[in-house]
PDB file of N, CA and C in Angstrom:
ATOM      1  N   SER A   1     -14.525  17.205  -5.762  1.00  0.00           N
ATOM      2  CA  SER A   1     -13.323  16.903  -6.446  1.00  0.00           C
ATOM      3  C   SER A   1     -13.404  15.434  -6.840  1.00  0.00           C
ATOM      4  N   GLY A   2     -12.487  15.024  -7.770  1.00  0.00           N
ATOM      5  CA  GLY A   2     -12.473  13.672  -8.279  1.00  0.00           C
ATOM      6  C   GLY A   2     -12.096  12.698  -7.149  1.00  0.00           C
ATOM      7  N   GLY A   3     -11.203  13.130  -6.195  1.00  0.00           N
ATOM      8  CA  GLY A   3     -10.886  12.317  -5.110  1.00  0.00           C
ATOM      9  C   GLY A   3     -12.011  12.024  -4.211  1.00  0.00           C
ATOM     10  N   MET A   4     -12.794  13.041  -3.855  1.00  0.00           N
ATOM     11  CA  MET A   4     -14.003  12.933  -3.097  1.00  0.00           C
ATOM     12  C   MET A   4     -14.952  11.974  -3.698  1.00  0.00           C
ATOM     13  N   GLN A   5     -15.189  12.083  -4.972  1.00  0.00           N
ATOM     14  CA  GLN A   5     -16.100  11.275  -5.756  1.00  0.00           C
ATOM     15  C   GLN A   5     -15.672   9.777  -5.612  1.00  0.00           C
ATOM     16  N   LYS A   6     -14.368   9.528  -5.806  1.00  0.00           N
ATOM     17  CA  LYS A   6     -13.863   8.170  -5.652  1.00  0.00           C
ATOM     18  C   LYS A   6     -14.010   7.559  -4.322  1.00  0.00           C
ATOM     19  N   ARG A   7     -13.780   8.444  -3.281  1.00  0.00           N
ATOM     20  CA  ARG A   7     -13.992   7.985  -1.837  1.00  0.00           C
ATOM     21  C   ARG A   7     -15.426   7.674  -1.617  1.00  0.00           C
ATOM     22  N   VAL A   8     -16.360   8.503  -2.106  1.00  0.00           N
ATOM     23  CA  VAL A   8     -17.791   8.168  -1.870  1.00  0.00           C
ATOM     24  C   VAL A   8     -18.135   6.875  -2.535  1.00  0.00           C
ATOM     25  N   ALA A   9     -17.636   6.723  -3.788  1.00  0.00           N
ATOM     26  CA  ALA A   9     -17.951   5.512  -4.518  1.00  0.00           C
ATOM     27  C   ALA A   9     -17.455   4.305  -3.800  1.00  0.00           C
ATOM     28  N   LEU A  10     -16.200   4.384  -3.165  1.00  0.00           N
ATOM     29  CA  LEU A  10     -15.658   3.288  -2.451  1.00  0.00           C
ATOM     30  C   LEU A  10     -16.495   3.031  -1.252  1.00  0.00           C
ATOM     31  N   ALA A  11     -16.967   4.057  -0.527  1.00  0.00           N
ATOM     32  CA  ALA A  11     -17.866   3.864   0.572  1.00  0.00           C
ATOM     33  C   ALA A  11     -19.142   3.135   0.226  1.00  0.00           C
ATOM     34  N   ARG A  12     -19.740   3.527  -0.815  1.00  0.00           N
ATOM     35  CA  ARG A  12     -20.927   2.881  -1.347  1.00  0.00           C
ATOM     36  C   ARG A  12     -20.631   1.425  -1.642  1.00  0.00           C
ATOM     37  N   ALA A  13     -19.513   1.132  -2.298  1.00  0.00           N
ATOM     38  CA  ALA A  13     -19.215  -0.236  -2.713  1.00  0.00           C
ATOM     39  C   ALA A  13     -18.962  -1.200  -1.455  1.00  0.00           C
ATOM     40  N   ILE A  14     -18.493  -0.696  -0.389  1.00  0.00           N
ATOM     41  CA  ILE A  14     -18.276  -1.479   0.787  1.00  0.00           C
ATOM     42  C   ILE A  14     -19.319  -1.578   1.833  1.00  0.00           C
ATOM     43  N   ALA A  15     -20.355  -0.767   1.614  1.00  0.00           N
ATOM     44  CA  ALA A  15     -21.415  -0.660   2.559  1.00  0.00           C
ATOM     45  C   ALA A  15     -22.153  -1.987   2.841  1.00  0.00           C
ATOM     46  N   ALA A  16     -22.300  -2.866   1.830  1.00  0.00           N
ATOM     47  CA  ALA A  16     -22.942  -4.080   2.002  1.00  0.00           C
ATOM     48  C   ALA A  16     -22.060  -5.217   2.447  1.00  0.00           C
ATOM     49  N   ASN A  17     -20.758  -5.007   2.866  1.00  0.00           N
ATOM     50  CA  ASN A  17     -19.888  -5.926   3.282  1.00  0.00           C
ATOM     51  C   ASN A  17     -19.654  -7.039   2.231  1.00  0.00           C
ATOM     52  N   PRO A  18     -19.259  -6.647   1.004  1.00  0.00           N
ATOM     53  CA  PRO A  18     -19.177  -7.660  -0.049  1.00  0.00           C
ATOM     54  C   PRO A  18     -17.950  -8.569   0.111  1.00  0.00           C
ATOM     55  N   GLU A  19     -18.025  -9.762  -0.551  1.00  0.00           N
ATOM     56  CA  GLU A  19     -16.937 -10.684  -0.559  1.00  0.00           C
ATOM     57  C   GLU A  19     -15.930 -10.388  -1.699  1.00  0.00           C
ATOM     58  N   ILE A  20     -16.538  -9.743  -2.783  1.00  0.00           N
ATOM     59  CA  ILE A  20     -15.770  -9.457  -3.923  1.00  0.00           C
ATOM     60  C   ILE A  20     -16.136  -7.969  -4.282  1.00  0.00           C
ATOM     61  N   ILE A  21     -15.093  -7.115  -4.468  1.00  0.00           N
ATOM     62  CA  ILE A  21     -15.328  -5.762  -4.889  1.00  0.00           C
ATOM     63  C   ILE A  21     -14.647  -5.517  -6.191  1.00  0.00           C
ATOM     64  N   PHE A  22     -15.331  -4.994  -7.247  1.00  0.00           N
ATOM     65  CA  PHE A  22     -14.761  -4.682  -8.505  1.00  0.00           C
ATOM     66  C   PHE A  22     -14.436  -3.198  -8.638  1.00  0.00           C
ATOM     67  N   PHE A  23     -13.258  -2.890  -9.089  1.00  0.00           N
ATOM     68  CA  PHE A  23     -12.816  -1.471  -9.337  1.00  0.00           C
ATOM     69  C   PHE A  23     -12.471  -1.312 -10.837  1.00  0.00           C
ATOM     70  N   ASP A  24     -13.047  -0.293 -11.502  1.00  0.00           N
ATOM     71  CA  ASP A  24     -12.641  -0.107 -12.836  1.00  0.00           C
ATOM     72  C   ASP A  24     -11.999   1.288 -12.905  1.00  0.00           C
ATOM     73  N   GLU A  25     -10.651   1.263 -13.187  1.00  0.00           N
ATOM     74  CA  GLU A  25      -9.864   2.409 -13.250  1.00  0.00           C
ATOM     75  C   GLU A  25     -10.006   3.332 -12.084  1.00  0.00           C
ATOM     76  N   PRO A  26      -9.781   2.869 -10.869  1.00  0.00           N
ATOM     77  CA  PRO A  26     -10.127   3.665  -9.637  1.00  0.00           C
ATOM     78  C   PRO A  26      -9.269   4.890  -9.462  1.00  0.00           C
ATOM     79  N   THR A  27      -8.163   5.079 -10.155  1.00  0.00           N
ATOM     80  CA  THR A  27      -7.305   6.232 -10.017  1.00  0.00           C
ATOM     81  C   THR A  27      -7.233   7.137 -11.190  1.00  0.00           C
ATOM     82  N   THR A  28      -8.000   6.780 -12.250  1.00  0.00           N
ATOM     83  CA  THR A  28      -8.018   7.580 -13.438  1.00  0.00           C
ATOM     84  C   THR A  28      -8.496   9.047 -13.158  1.00  0.00           C
ATOM     85  N   GLY A  29      -7.687   9.976 -13.691  1.00  0.00           N
ATOM     86  CA  GLY A  29      -8.124  11.378 -13.501  1.00  0.00           C
ATOM     87  C   GLY A  29      -7.644  12.006 -12.210  1.00  0.00           C
ATOM     88  N   LEU A  30      -6.958  11.245 -11.345  1.00  0.00           N
ATOM     89  CA  LEU A  30      -6.509  11.771 -10.131  1.00  0.00           C
ATOM     90  C   LEU A  30      -4.996  12.112 -10.115  1.00  0.00           C
ATOM     91  N   ASP A  31      -4.679  13.106  -9.294  1.00  0.00           N
ATOM     92  CA  ASP A  31      -3.169  13.432  -9.205  1.00  0.00           C
ATOM     93  C   ASP A  31      -2.564  12.290  -8.453  1.00  0.00           C
ATOM     94  N   PRO A  32      -1.200  12.196  -8.565  1.00  0.00           N
ATOM     95  CA  PRO A  32      -0.482  11.123  -7.972  1.00  0.00           C
ATOM     96  C   PRO A  32      -0.744  10.922  -6.457  1.00  0.00           C
ATOM     97  N   ILE A  33      -0.852  12.044  -5.682  1.00  0.00           N
ATOM     98  CA  ILE A  33      -1.080  11.989  -4.249  1.00  0.00           C
ATOM     99  C   ILE A  33      -2.469  11.409  -3.982  1.00  0.00           C
ATOM    100  N   MET A  34      -3.500  11.966  -4.687  1.00  0.00           N
ATOM    101  CA  MET A  34      -4.867  11.412  -4.415  1.00  0.00           C
ATOM    102  C   MET A  34      -4.976   9.977  -4.848  1.00  0.00           C
ATOM    103  N   ALA A  35      -4.314   9.665  -5.922  1.00  0.00           N
ATOM    104  CA  ALA A  35      -4.349   8.247  -6.373  1.00  0.00           C
ATOM    105  C   ALA A  35      -3.796   7.322  -5.320  1.00  0.00           C
ATOM    106  N   ASP A  36      -2.736   7.741  -4.637  1.00  0.00           N
ATOM    107  CA  ASP A  36      -2.104   6.957  -3.625  1.00  0.00           C
ATOM    108  C   ASP A  36      -3.020   6.828  -2.420  1.00  0.00           C
ATOM    109  N   ILE A  37      -3.797   7.915  -2.167  1.00  0.00           N
ATOM    110  CA  ILE A  37      -4.724   7.772  -1.019  1.00  0.00           C
ATOM    111  C   ILE A  37      -5.867   6.759  -1.340  1.00  0.00           C
ATOM    112  N   ILE A  38      -6.312   6.854  -2.630  1.00  0.00           N
ATOM    113  CA  ILE A  38      -7.311   5.795  -3.035  1.00  0.00           C
ATOM    114  C   ILE A  38      -6.750   4.485  -2.999  1.00  0.00           C
ATOM    115  N   ASN A  39      -5.555   4.226  -3.438  1.00  0.00           N
ATOM    116  CA  ASN A  39      -4.888   2.911  -3.389  1.00  0.00           C
ATOM    117  C   ASN A  39      -4.855   2.420  -1.926  1.00  0.00           C
ATOM    118  N   ASP A  40      -4.434   3.297  -0.944  1.00  0.00           N
ATOM    119  CA  ASP A  40      -4.329   2.971   0.395  1.00  0.00           C
ATOM    120  C   ASP A  40      -5.753   2.538   0.975  1.00  0.00           C
ATOM    121  N   LEU A  41      -6.745   3.298   0.563  1.00  0.00           N
ATOM    122  CA  LEU A  41      -8.201   2.925   1.006  1.00  0.00           C
ATOM    123  C   LEU A  41      -8.590   1.553   0.414  1.00  0.00           C
ATOM    124  N   ILE A  42      -8.229   1.267  -0.814  1.00  0.00           N
ATOM    125  CA  ILE A  42      -8.639  -0.024  -1.423  1.00  0.00           C
ATOM    126  C   ILE A  42      -7.884  -1.166  -0.642  1.00  0.00           C
ATOM    127  N   VAL A  43      -6.652  -1.004  -0.372  1.00  0.00           N
ATOM    128  CA  VAL A  43      -5.861  -2.003   0.415  1.00  0.00           C
ATOM    129  C   VAL A  43      -6.500  -2.176   1.854  1.00  0.00           C
ATOM    130  N   GLN A  44      -6.787  -1.055   2.444  1.00  0.00           N
ATOM    131  CA  GLN A  44      -7.337  -1.065   3.854  1.00  0.00           C
ATOM    132  C   GLN A  44      -8.682  -1.750   3.817  1.00  0.00           C
ATOM    133  N   CYS A  45      -9.578  -1.398   2.964  1.00  0.00           N
ATOM    134  CA  CYS A  45     -10.971  -1.885   2.846  1.00  0.00           C
ATOM    135  C   CYS A  45     -10.860  -3.421   2.531  1.00  0.00           C
ATOM    136  N   SER A  46      -9.956  -3.821   1.673  1.00  0.00           N
ATOM    137  CA  SER A  46      -9.834  -5.224   1.301  1.00  0.00           C
ATOM    138  C   SER A  46      -9.479  -6.134   2.500  1.00  0.00           C
ATOM    139  N   LYS A  47      -8.506  -5.536   3.301  1.00  0.00           N
ATOM    140  CA  LYS A  47      -8.102  -6.307   4.496  1.00  0.00           C
ATOM    141  C   LYS A  47      -9.118  -6.300   5.559  1.00  0.00           C
ATOM    142  N   GLU A  48      -9.755  -5.139   5.850  1.00  0.00           N
ATOM    143  CA  GLU A  48     -10.757  -5.138   6.938  1.00  0.00           C
ATOM    144  C   GLU A  48     -12.049  -5.924   6.587  1.00  0.00           C
ATOM    145  N   LEU A  49     -12.387  -6.022   5.333  1.00  0.00           N
ATOM    146  CA  LEU A  49     -13.568  -6.774   4.989  1.00  0.00           C
ATOM    147  C   LEU A  49     -13.223  -8.234   4.574  1.00  0.00           C
ATOM    148  N   ASN A  50     -11.856  -8.559   4.579  1.00  0.00           N
ATOM    149  CA  ASN A  50     -11.461  -9.826   4.047  1.00  0.00           C
ATOM    150  C   ASN A  50     -12.068 -10.144   2.727  1.00  0.00           C
ATOM    151  N   ALA A  51     -12.019  -9.062   1.800  1.00  0.00           N
ATOM    152  CA  ALA A  51     -12.645  -9.216   0.485  1.00  0.00           C
ATOM    153  C   ALA A  51     -11.650  -9.378  -0.541  1.00  0.00           C
ATOM    154  N   THR A  52     -12.078 -10.003  -1.623  1.00  0.00           N
ATOM    155  CA  THR A  52     -11.292 -10.099  -2.871  1.00  0.00           C
ATOM    156  C   THR A  52     -11.524  -8.812  -3.638  1.00  0.00           C
ATOM    157  N   THR A  53     -10.525  -8.261  -4.197  1.00  0.00           N
ATOM    158  CA  THR A  53     -10.754  -7.156  -5.116  1.00  0.00           C
ATOM    159  C   THR A  53     -10.267  -7.462  -6.490  1.00  0.00           C
ATOM    160  N   ILE A  54     -11.002  -7.104  -7.507  1.00  0.00           N
ATOM    161  CA  ILE A  54     -10.651  -7.297  -8.891  1.00  0.00           C
ATOM    162  C   ILE A  54     -10.584  -5.879  -9.496  1.00  0.00           C
ATOM    163  N   THR A  55      -9.531  -5.512  -9.976  1.00  0.00           N
ATOM    164  CA  THR A  55      -9.281  -4.121 -10.507  1.00  0.00           C
ATOM    165  C   THR A  55      -8.912  -4.224 -11.989  1.00  0.00           C
ATOM    166  N   ILE A  56      -9.541  -3.295 -12.727  1.00  0.00           N
ATOM    167  CA  ILE A  56      -9.112  -3.067 -14.161  1.00  0.00           C
ATOM    168  C   ILE A  56      -8.399  -1.709 -14.080  1.00  0.00           C
ATOM    169  N   THR A  57      -7.085  -1.758 -14.514  1.00  0.00           N
ATOM    170  CA  THR A  57      -6.352  -0.509 -14.494  1.00  0.00           C
ATOM    171  C   THR A  57      -5.270  -0.561 -15.519  1.00  0.00           C
ATOM    172  N   HIS A  58      -4.829   0.602 -15.962  1.00  0.00           N
ATOM    173  CA  HIS A  58      -3.535   0.700 -16.715  1.00  0.00           C
ATOM    174  C   HIS A  58      -2.507   1.420 -15.867  1.00  0.00           C
ATOM    175  N   ASP A  59      -2.854   1.764 -14.660  1.00  0.00           N
ATOM    176  CA  ASP A  59      -1.926   2.531 -13.716  1.00  0.00           C
ATOM    177  C   ASP A  59      -1.028   1.564 -13.022  1.00  0.00           C
ATOM    178  N   MET A  60       0.212   1.473 -13.456  1.00  0.00           N
ATOM    179  CA  MET A  60       1.176   0.534 -13.003  1.00  0.00           C
ATOM    180  C   MET A  60       1.556   0.758 -11.484  1.00  0.00           C
ATOM    181  N   ALA A  61       1.508   2.042 -11.087  1.00  0.00           N
ATOM    182  CA  ALA A  61       1.783   2.358  -9.693  1.00  0.00           C
ATOM    183  C   ALA A  61       0.706   1.734  -8.815  1.00  0.00           C
ATOM    184  N   SER A  62      -0.558   1.828  -9.251  1.00  0.00           N
ATOM    185  CA  SER A  62      -1.685   1.287  -8.459  1.00  0.00           C
ATOM    186  C   SER A  62      -1.552  -0.260  -8.566  1.00  0.00           C
ATOM    187  N   THR A  63      -1.192  -0.786  -9.680  1.00  0.00           N
ATOM    188  CA  THR A  63      -1.114  -2.226  -9.683  1.00  0.00           C
ATOM    189  C   THR A  63      -0.081  -2.780  -8.709  1.00  0.00           C
ATOM    190  N   ARG A  64       1.009  -2.153  -8.619  1.00  0.00           N
ATOM    191  CA  ARG A  64       2.106  -2.569  -7.711  1.00  0.00           C
ATOM    192  C   ARG A  64       1.725  -2.421  -6.272  1.00  0.00           C
ATOM    193  N   LYS A  65       0.840  -1.422  -5.945  1.00  0.00           N
ATOM    194  CA  LYS A  65       0.455  -1.192  -4.616  1.00  0.00           C
ATOM    195  C   LYS A  65      -0.744  -2.078  -4.106  1.00  0.00           C
ATOM    196  N   ILE A  66      -1.683  -2.295  -5.001  1.00  0.00           N
ATOM    197  CA  ILE A  66      -2.945  -2.933  -4.527  1.00  0.00           C
ATOM    198  C   ILE A  66      -3.103  -4.398  -4.896  1.00  0.00           C
ATOM    199  N   ALA A  67      -2.304  -4.877  -5.875  1.00  0.00           N
ATOM    200  CA  ALA A  67      -2.481  -6.198  -6.442  1.00  0.00           C
ATOM    201  C   ALA A  67      -1.576  -7.248  -5.689  1.00  0.00           C
ATOM    202  N   ASP A  68      -2.132  -8.440  -5.604  1.00  0.00           N
ATOM    203  CA  ASP A  68      -1.342  -9.592  -5.229  1.00  0.00           C
ATOM    204  C   ASP A  68      -1.003 -10.395  -6.494  1.00  0.00           C
ATOM    205  N   LYS A  69      -1.975 -10.596  -7.310  1.00  0.00           N
ATOM    206  CA  LYS A  69      -1.906 -11.308  -8.540  1.00  0.00           C
ATOM    207  C   LYS A  69      -2.282 -10.326  -9.685  1.00  0.00           C
ATOM    208  N   VAL A  70      -1.653 -10.538 -10.840  1.00  0.00           N
ATOM    209  CA  VAL A  70      -1.896  -9.667 -12.003  1.00  0.00           C
ATOM    210  C   VAL A  70      -2.185 -10.564 -13.209  1.00  0.00           C
ATOM    211  N   ALA A  71      -3.097 -10.049 -14.046  1.00  0.00           N
ATOM    212  CA  ALA A  71      -3.343 -10.701 -15.349  1.00  0.00           C
ATOM    213  C   ALA A  71      -3.363  -9.638 -16.357  1.00  0.00           C
ATOM    214  N   MET A  72      -2.780  -9.932 -17.602  1.00  0.00           N
ATOM    215  CA  MET A  72      -2.802  -8.909 -18.602  1.00  0.00           C
ATOM    216  C   MET A  72      -3.689  -9.435 -19.721  1.00  0.00           C
ATOM    217  N   LEU A  73      -4.636  -8.663 -20.148  1.00  0.00           N
ATOM    218  CA  LEU A  73      -5.446  -8.947 -21.251  1.00  0.00           C
ATOM    219  C   LEU A  73      -4.920  -8.291 -22.520  1.00  0.00           C
ATOM    220  N   TYR A  74      -4.950  -9.025 -23.591  1.00  0.00           N
ATOM    221  CA  TYR A  74      -4.614  -8.373 -24.902  1.00  0.00           C
ATOM    222  C   TYR A  74      -5.528  -9.076 -25.980  1.00  0.00           C
ATOM    223  N   GLU A  75      -6.229  -8.283 -26.667  1.00  0.00           N
ATOM    224  CA  GLU A  75      -7.168  -8.679 -27.719  1.00  0.00           C
ATOM    225  C   GLU A  75      -8.201  -9.685 -27.168  1.00  0.00           C
ATOM    226  N   GLY A  76      -8.627  -9.411 -25.964  1.00  0.00           N
ATOM    227  CA  GLY A  76      -9.716 -10.238 -25.364  1.00  0.00           C
ATOM    228  C   GLY A  76      -9.216 -11.487 -24.638  1.00  0.00           C
ATOM    229  N   LYS A  77      -7.863 -11.710 -24.568  1.00  0.00           N
ATOM    230  CA  LYS A  77      -7.408 -12.929 -23.999  1.00  0.00           C
ATOM    231  C   LYS A  77      -6.350 -12.663 -22.913  1.00  0.00           C
ATOM    232  N   ILE A  78      -6.353 -13.487 -21.821  1.00  0.00           N
ATOM    233  CA  ILE A  78      -5.302 -13.350 -20.887  1.00  0.00           C
ATOM    234  C   ILE A  78      -4.024 -13.870 -21.491  1.00  0.00           C
ATOM    235  N   ILE A  79      -3.016 -12.969 -21.598  1.00  0.00           N
ATOM    236  CA  ILE A  79      -1.785 -13.429 -22.260  1.00  0.00           C
ATOM    237  C   ILE A  79      -0.627 -13.657 -21.161  1.00  0.00           C
ATOM    238  N   TRP A  80      -0.866 -13.229 -19.946  1.00  0.00           N
ATOM    239  CA  TRP A  80       0.090 -13.513 -18.903  1.00  0.00           C
ATOM    240  C   TRP A  80      -0.624 -13.372 -17.563  1.00  0.00           C
ATOM    241  N   GLN A  81      -0.245 -14.172 -16.627  1.00  0.00           N
ATOM    242  CA  GLN A  81      -0.781 -13.941 -15.280  1.00  0.00           C
ATOM    243  C   GLN A  81       0.285 -14.423 -14.326  1.00  0.00           C
ATOM    244  N   GLY A  82       0.294 -13.821 -13.143  1.00  0.00           N
ATOM    245  CA  GLY A  82       1.341 -14.124 -12.136  1.00  0.00           C
ATOM    246  C   GLY A  82       1.229 -13.179 -10.995  1.00  0.00           C
ATOM    247  N   THR A  83       2.211 -13.215 -10.093  1.00  0.00           N
ATOM    248  CA  THR A  83       2.238 -12.353  -8.928  1.00  0.00           C
ATOM    249  C   THR A  83       2.842 -10.954  -9.439  1.00  0.00           C
ATOM    250  N   LYS A  84       2.522  -9.972  -8.687  1.00  0.00           N
ATOM    251  CA  LYS A  84       3.042  -8.626  -9.050  1.00  0.00           C
ATOM    252  C   LYS A  84       4.611  -8.596  -8.989  1.00  0.00           C
ATOM    253  N   GLU A  85       5.166  -9.500  -8.112  1.00  0.00           N
ATOM    254  CA  GLU A  85       6.601  -9.587  -8.032  1.00  0.00           C
ATOM    255  C   GLU A  85       7.267 -10.177  -9.306  1.00  0.00           C
ATOM    256  N   LYS A  86       6.483 -10.997  -9.949  1.00  0.00           N
ATOM    257  CA  LYS A  86       7.009 -11.600 -11.176  1.00  0.00           C
ATOM    258  C   LYS A  86       6.818 -10.862 -12.433  1.00  0.00           C
ATOM    259  N   MET A  87       5.925  -9.774 -12.316  1.00  0.00           N
ATOM    260  CA  MET A  87       5.534  -8.986 -13.445  1.00  0.00           C
ATOM    261  C   MET A  87       6.771  -8.348 -14.197  1.00  0.00           C
ATOM    262  N   ASP A  88       7.675  -7.815 -13.484  1.00  0.00           N
ATOM    263  CA  ASP A  88       8.767  -7.185 -14.107  1.00  0.00           C
ATOM    264  C   ASP A  88       9.763  -8.060 -14.807  1.00  0.00           C
ATOM    265  N   ASN A  89       9.727  -9.425 -14.402  1.00  0.00           N
ATOM    266  CA  ASN A  89      10.557 -10.421 -15.090  1.00  0.00           C
ATOM    267  C   ASN A  89       9.728 -11.535 -15.695  1.00  0.00           C
ATOM    268  N   SER A  90       8.629 -11.067 -16.304  1.00  0.00           N
ATOM    269  CA  SER A  90       7.670 -12.101 -16.876  1.00  0.00           C
ATOM    270  C   SER A  90       8.260 -12.729 -18.104  1.00  0.00           C
ATOM    271  N   GLY A  91       9.125 -12.112 -18.815  1.00  0.00           N
ATOM    272  CA  GLY A  91       9.639 -12.745 -20.037  1.00  0.00           C
ATOM    273  C   GLY A  91       8.681 -12.604 -21.169  1.00  0.00           C
ATOM    274  N   ASN A  92       7.566 -11.915 -20.908  1.00  0.00           N
ATOM    275  CA  ASN A  92       6.521 -11.727 -21.909  1.00  0.00           C
ATOM    276  C   ASN A  92       6.762 -10.313 -22.539  1.00  0.00           C
ATOM    277  N   LYS A  93       6.945 -10.206 -23.805  1.00  0.00           N
ATOM    278  CA  LYS A  93       7.216  -8.927 -24.539  1.00  0.00           C
ATOM    279  C   LYS A  93       6.070  -8.015 -24.444  1.00  0.00           C
ATOM    280  N   PHE A  94       4.848  -8.489 -24.515  1.00  0.00           N
ATOM    281  CA  PHE A  94       3.653  -7.681 -24.307  1.00  0.00           C
ATOM    282  C   PHE A  94       3.586  -6.985 -22.892  1.00  0.00           C
ATOM    283  N   VAL A  95       3.848  -7.781 -21.939  1.00  0.00           N
ATOM    284  CA  VAL A  95       3.837  -7.250 -20.549  1.00  0.00           C
ATOM    285  C   VAL A  95       4.965  -6.253 -20.412  1.00  0.00           C
ATOM    286  N   GLU A  96       6.161  -6.566 -20.872  1.00  0.00           N
ATOM    287  CA  GLU A  96       7.214  -5.626 -20.750  1.00  0.00           C
ATOM    288  C   GLU A  96       6.925  -4.316 -21.412  1.00  0.00           C
ATOM    289  N   GLN A  97       6.396  -4.343 -22.661  1.00  0.00           N
ATOM    290  CA  GLN A  97       6.096  -3.121 -23.338  1.00  0.00           C
ATOM    291  C   GLN A  97       5.070  -2.322 -22.650  1.00  0.00           C
ATOM    292  N   PHE A  98       4.031  -3.018 -22.078  1.00  0.00           N
ATOM    293  CA  PHE A  98       2.944  -2.238 -21.313  1.00  0.00           C
ATOM    294  C   PHE A  98       3.426  -1.641 -20.027  1.00  0.00           C
ATOM    295  N   ILE A  99       4.167  -2.405 -19.237  1.00  0.00           N
ATOM    296  CA  ILE A  99       4.534  -1.827 -17.919  1.00  0.00           C
ATOM    297  C   ILE A  99       5.579  -0.729 -18.075  1.00  0.00           C
ATOM    298  N   HIS A 100       6.322  -0.701 -19.131  1.00  0.00           N
ATOM    299  CA  HIS A 100       7.280   0.315 -19.345  1.00  0.00           C
ATOM    300  C   HIS A 100       6.799   1.479 -20.220  1.00  0.00           C
ATOM    301  N   GLY A 101       5.544   1.268 -20.719  1.00  0.00           N
ATOM    302  CA  GLY A 101       4.933   2.311 -21.521  1.00  0.00           C
ATOM    303  C   GLY A 101       5.648   2.651 -22.809  1.00  0.00           C
ATOM    304  N   SER A 102       6.218   1.629 -23.367  1.00  0.00           N
ATOM    305  CA  SER A 102       7.062   1.834 -24.652  1.00  0.00           C
ATOM    306  C   SER A 102       6.215   1.790 -25.922  1.00  0.00           C
ATOM    307  N   SER A 103       6.400   2.614 -26.821  1.00  0.00           N
ATOM    308  CA  SER A 103       5.720   2.588 -28.063  1.00  0.00           C
ATOM    309  C   SER A 103       6.298   1.511 -29.039  1.00  0.00           C
ATOM    310  N   LYS A 104       7.410   0.965 -28.658  1.00  0.00           N
ATOM    311  CA  LYS A 104       8.015  -0.036 -29.541  1.00  0.00           C
ATOM    312  C   LYS A 104       7.823  -1.482 -28.879  1.00  0.00           C
ATOM    313  N   GLY A 105       7.391  -2.349 -29.681  1.00  0.00           N
ATOM    314  CA  GLY A 105       7.133  -3.720 -29.148  1.00  0.00           C
ATOM    315  C   GLY A 105       5.969  -4.341 -29.899  1.00  0.00           C
ATOM    316  N   PRO A 106       5.455  -5.524 -29.457  1.00  0.00           N
ATOM    317  CA  PRO A 106       4.469  -6.280 -30.116  1.00  0.00           C
ATOM    318  C   PRO A 106       3.067  -5.599 -30.183  1.00  0.00           C
ATOM    319  N   ILE A 107       2.804  -4.685 -29.203  1.00  0.00           N
ATOM    320  CA  ILE A 107       1.542  -4.035 -29.157  1.00  0.00           C
ATOM    321  C   ILE A 107       1.624  -2.903 -30.112  1.00  0.00           C
ATOM    322  N   GLU A 108       0.851  -2.889 -31.145  1.00  0.00           N
ATOM    323  CA  GLU A 108       0.876  -1.800 -32.140  1.00  0.00           C
ATOM    324  C   GLU A 108      -0.416  -1.032 -32.097  1.00  0.00           C
ATOM    325  N   ILE A 109      -0.228   0.280 -31.969  1.00  0.00           N
ATOM    326  CA  ILE A 109      -1.386   1.253 -31.951  1.00  0.00           C
ATOM    327  C   ILE A 109      -1.436   1.902 -33.309  1.00  0.00           C
ATOM    328  N   LYS A 110      -2.519   1.649 -33.943  1.00  0.00           N
ATOM    329  CA  LYS A 110      -2.666   2.235 -35.330  1.00  0.00           C
ATOM    330  C   LYS A 110      -3.389   3.619 -35.171  1.00  0.00           C
ATOM    331  N   LEU A 111      -2.757   4.567 -35.716  1.00  0.00           N
ATOM    332  CA  LEU A 111      -3.270   5.967 -35.728  1.00  0.00           C
ATOM    333  C   LEU A 111      -3.983   6.191 -36.999  1.00  0.00           C
ATOM    334  N   GLN A 112      -5.118   6.804 -37.015  1.00  0.00           N
ATOM    335  CA  GLN A 112      -5.904   7.069 -38.139  1.00  0.00           C
ATOM    336  C   GLN A 112      -5.369   8.351 -38.851  1.00  0.00           C
ATOM    337  N   ASP A 113      -5.262   8.253 -40.200  1.00  0.00           N
ATOM    338  CA  ASP A 113      -4.994   9.402 -40.963  1.00  0.00           C
ATOM    339  C   ASP A 113      -6.221  10.219 -41.162  1.00  0.00           C
ATOM    340  N   HIS A 114      -6.020  11.476 -41.122  1.00  0.00           N
ATOM    341  CA  HIS A 114      -7.177  12.406 -41.324  1.00  0.00           C
ATOM    342  C   HIS A 114      -7.084  13.112 -42.629  1.00  0.00           C
TER     343      HIS A 114
END
């Protein structure tokens, strides 16, 4: 299953006792329960190893659970950074649009005509 594959990948990542662990979309393709299990494992491993984790994700539930600090990239640049607690009141229209998943805002998605 996808959850088992993610757990195996996590086990491989921590086997060498790293100081920094990178995660790229660790919960993509998982149901909400399995995603929460993976998030719990990430938090637990980070604490037990005293490791820094850097995660790329669009999953806001994961962000809220595993992050201490958050940065948002847009067009290759960091447009906002701060604590997860400040994310909801960032005052940044790009961040607000993204975390609420709104199609209206400064981030425009161009759809191709066929």
